[in-house]
C-alpha atoms as a PDB file:
ATOM      1  CA  UNK A   1      99.021 104.017  91.794  1.00  0.00           C
ATOM      2  CA  UNK A   2     101.165 107.036  92.551  1.00  0.00           C
ATOM      3  CA  UNK A   3     100.706 106.477  96.281  1.00  0.00           C
ATOM      4  CA  UNK A   4     101.889 102.877  95.922  1.00  0.00           C
ATOM      5  CA  UNK A   5     105.029 104.013  94.121  1.00  0.00           C
ATOM      6  CA  UNK A   6     105.788 106.674  96.747  1.00  0.00           C
ATOM      7  CA  UNK A   7     105.292 104.176  99.566  1.00  0.00           C
ATOM      8  CA  UNK A   8     107.554 101.719  97.746  1.00  0.00           C
ATOM      9  CA  UNK A   9     110.359 104.280  97.724  1.00  0.00           C
ATOM     10  CA  UNK A  10     109.732 105.107 101.394  1.00  0.00           C
ATOM     11  CA  UNK A  11     110.172 101.440 102.329  1.00  0.00           C
ATOM     12  CA  UNK A  12     113.859 101.548 101.382  1.00  0.00           C
ATOM     13  CA  UNK A  13     115.051 104.051 104.039  1.00  0.00           C
ATOM     14  CA  UNK A  14     112.804 102.338 106.558  1.00  0.00           C
ATOM     15  CA  UNK A  15     114.566  99.072 105.762  1.00  0.00           C
ATOM     16  CA  UNK A  16     118.017 100.513 106.378  1.00  0.00           C
ATOM     17  CA  UNK A  17     117.325 102.692 109.428  1.00  0.00           C
ATOM     18  CA  UNK A  18     114.731 100.720 111.407  1.00  0.00           C
ATOM     19  CA  UNK A  19     114.816  97.266 112.984  1.00  0.00           C
ATOM     20  CA  UNK A  20     113.643  94.344 110.885  1.00  0.00           C
ATOM     21  CA  UNK A  21     110.544  93.732 113.001  1.00  0.00           C
ATOM     22  CA  UNK A  22     109.327  97.322 112.540  1.00  0.00           C
ATOM     23  CA  UNK A  23     109.818  97.027 108.790  1.00  0.00           C
ATOM     24  CA  UNK A  24     107.824  93.777 108.759  1.00  0.00           C
ATOM     25  CA  UNK A  25     105.045  95.423 110.763  1.00  0.00           C
ATOM     26  CA  UNK A  26     104.836  98.282 108.256  1.00  0.00           C
ATOM     27  CA  UNK A  27     104.775  95.789 105.370  1.00  0.00           C
ATOM     28  CA  UNK A  28     101.955  93.858 107.066  1.00  0.00           C
ATOM     29  CA  UNK A  29      99.951  97.067 107.512  1.00  0.00           C
ATOM     30  CA  UNK A  30     100.557  98.019 103.881  1.00  0.00           C
ATOM     31  CA  UNK A  31      99.552  94.522 102.747  1.00  0.00           C
ATOM     32  CA  UNK A  32      96.248  94.984 104.552  1.00  0.00           C
ATOM     33  CA  UNK A  33      95.688  98.364 102.871  1.00  0.00           C
ATOM     34  CA  UNK A  34      96.668  97.410  99.296  1.00  0.00           C
ATOM     35  CA  UNK A  35      95.739  94.404  97.200  1.00  0.00           C
ATOM     36  CA  UNK A  36      98.632  92.048  96.386  1.00  0.00           C
ATOM     37  CA  UNK A  37     101.357  94.239  97.869  1.00  0.00           C
ATOM     38  CA  UNK A  38     104.272  92.346  96.348  1.00  0.00           C
ATOM     39  CA  UNK A  39     106.358  95.492  96.049  1.00  0.00           C
ATOM     40  CA  UNK A  40     107.811  94.658  99.459  1.00  0.00           C
ATOM     41  CA  UNK A  41     109.691  91.713  97.965  1.00  0.00           C
ATOM     42  CA  UNK A  42     112.323  93.897  96.278  1.00  0.00           C
ATOM     43  CA  UNK A  43     113.564  95.522  99.524  1.00  0.00           C
ATOM     44  CA  UNK A  44     113.358  92.139 101.282  1.00  0.00           C
ATOM     45  CA  UNK A  45     115.550  90.479  98.646  1.00  0.00           C
ATOM     46  CA  UNK A  46     117.975  93.400  98.791  1.00  0.00           C
ATOM     47  CA  UNK A  47     118.163  93.145 102.583  1.00  0.00           C
ATOM     48  CA  UNK A  48     118.815  89.426 102.423  1.00  0.00           C
ATOM     49  CA  UNK A  49     121.537  89.921  99.852  1.00  0.00           C
ATOM     50  CA  UNK A  50     123.243  92.557 102.007  1.00  0.00           C
ATOM     51  CA  UNK A  51     122.698  91.255 105.517  1.00  0.00           C
ATOM     52  CA  UNK A  52     121.908  87.593 104.896  1.00  0.00           C
ATOM     53  CA  UNK A  53     123.918  84.772 106.352  1.00  0.00           C
ATOM     54  CA  UNK A  54     127.086  83.789 104.537  1.00  0.00           C
ATOM     55  CA  UNK A  55     126.190  80.135 105.065  1.00  0.00           C
ATOM     56  CA  UNK A  56     122.763  78.634 104.845  1.00  0.00           C
ATOM     57  CA  UNK A  57     122.984  77.086 108.302  1.00  0.00           C
ATOM     58  CA  UNK A  58     120.060  78.824 110.026  1.00  0.00           C
ATOM     59  CA  UNK A  59     116.616  77.559 109.018  1.00  0.00           C
ATOM     60  CA  UNK A  60     118.219  76.057 105.928  1.00  0.00           C
ATOM     61  CA  UNK A  61     118.036  79.200 103.816  1.00  0.00           C
ATOM     62  CA  UNK A  62     119.806  82.492 103.363  1.00  0.00           C
ATOM     63  CA  UNK A  63     116.704  84.379 102.215  1.00  0.00           C
ATOM     64  CA  UNK A  64     114.674  84.141 105.424  1.00  0.00           C
ATOM     65  CA  UNK A  65     113.286  87.708 105.330  1.00  0.00           C
ATOM     66  CA  UNK A  66     112.190  87.235 101.723  1.00  0.00           C
ATOM     67  CA  UNK A  67     110.364  84.032 102.639  1.00  0.00           C
ATOM     68  CA  UNK A  68     108.702  85.696 105.627  1.00  0.00           C
ATOM     69  CA  UNK A  69     107.484  88.582 103.450  1.00  0.00           C
ATOM     70  CA  UNK A  70     106.276  86.275 100.682  1.00  0.00           C
ATOM     71  CA  UNK A  71     104.380  83.953 103.028  1.00  0.00           C
ATOM     72  CA  UNK A  72     103.076  86.898 105.074  1.00  0.00           C
ATOM     73  CA  UNK A  73     101.659  88.691 102.043  1.00  0.00           C
ATOM     74  CA  UNK A  74     100.081  85.463 100.814  1.00  0.00           C
ATOM     75  CA  UNK A  75      98.462  84.799 104.206  1.00  0.00           C
ATOM     76  CA  UNK A  76      97.262  88.393 104.549  1.00  0.00           C
ATOM     77  CA  UNK A  77      95.709  88.276 101.061  1.00  0.00           C
ATOM     78  CA  UNK A  78      93.895  85.052 101.956  1.00  0.00           C
ATOM     79  CA  UNK A  79      92.794  86.502 105.295  1.00  0.00           C
ATOM     80  CA  UNK A  80      91.476  89.690 103.662  1.00  0.00           C
ATOM     81  CA  UNK A  81      89.247  87.668 101.376  1.00  0.00           C
ATOM     82  CA  UNK A  82      87.646  86.004 104.411  1.00  0.00           C
ATOM     83  CA  UNK A  83      87.140  89.160 106.471  1.00  0.00           C
ATOM     84  CA  UNK A  84      83.863  91.010 106.137  1.00  0.00           C
ATOM     85  CA  UNK A  85      85.145  94.596 106.225  1.00  0.00           C
ATOM     86  CA  UNK A  86      87.723  94.092 103.452  1.00  0.00           C
END
């Protein structure tokens, strides 16, 4: 539990200083290592609130990173249940 909390706080600087695709890759790796890693939603919502589009004209939503993280974690959790070594 302590490791999860420390990793959660390390996601924040990674969000601000690394490209979005690297942050998503790290979140995907963490979602494979931990069960139900929904802690990544808080930095994703914060990023969308700061850097999101002022108009919802692209893909119909302003919270695109949040949706990607939410769907990605859901898919990874489903995939882990079907894999033999998890």
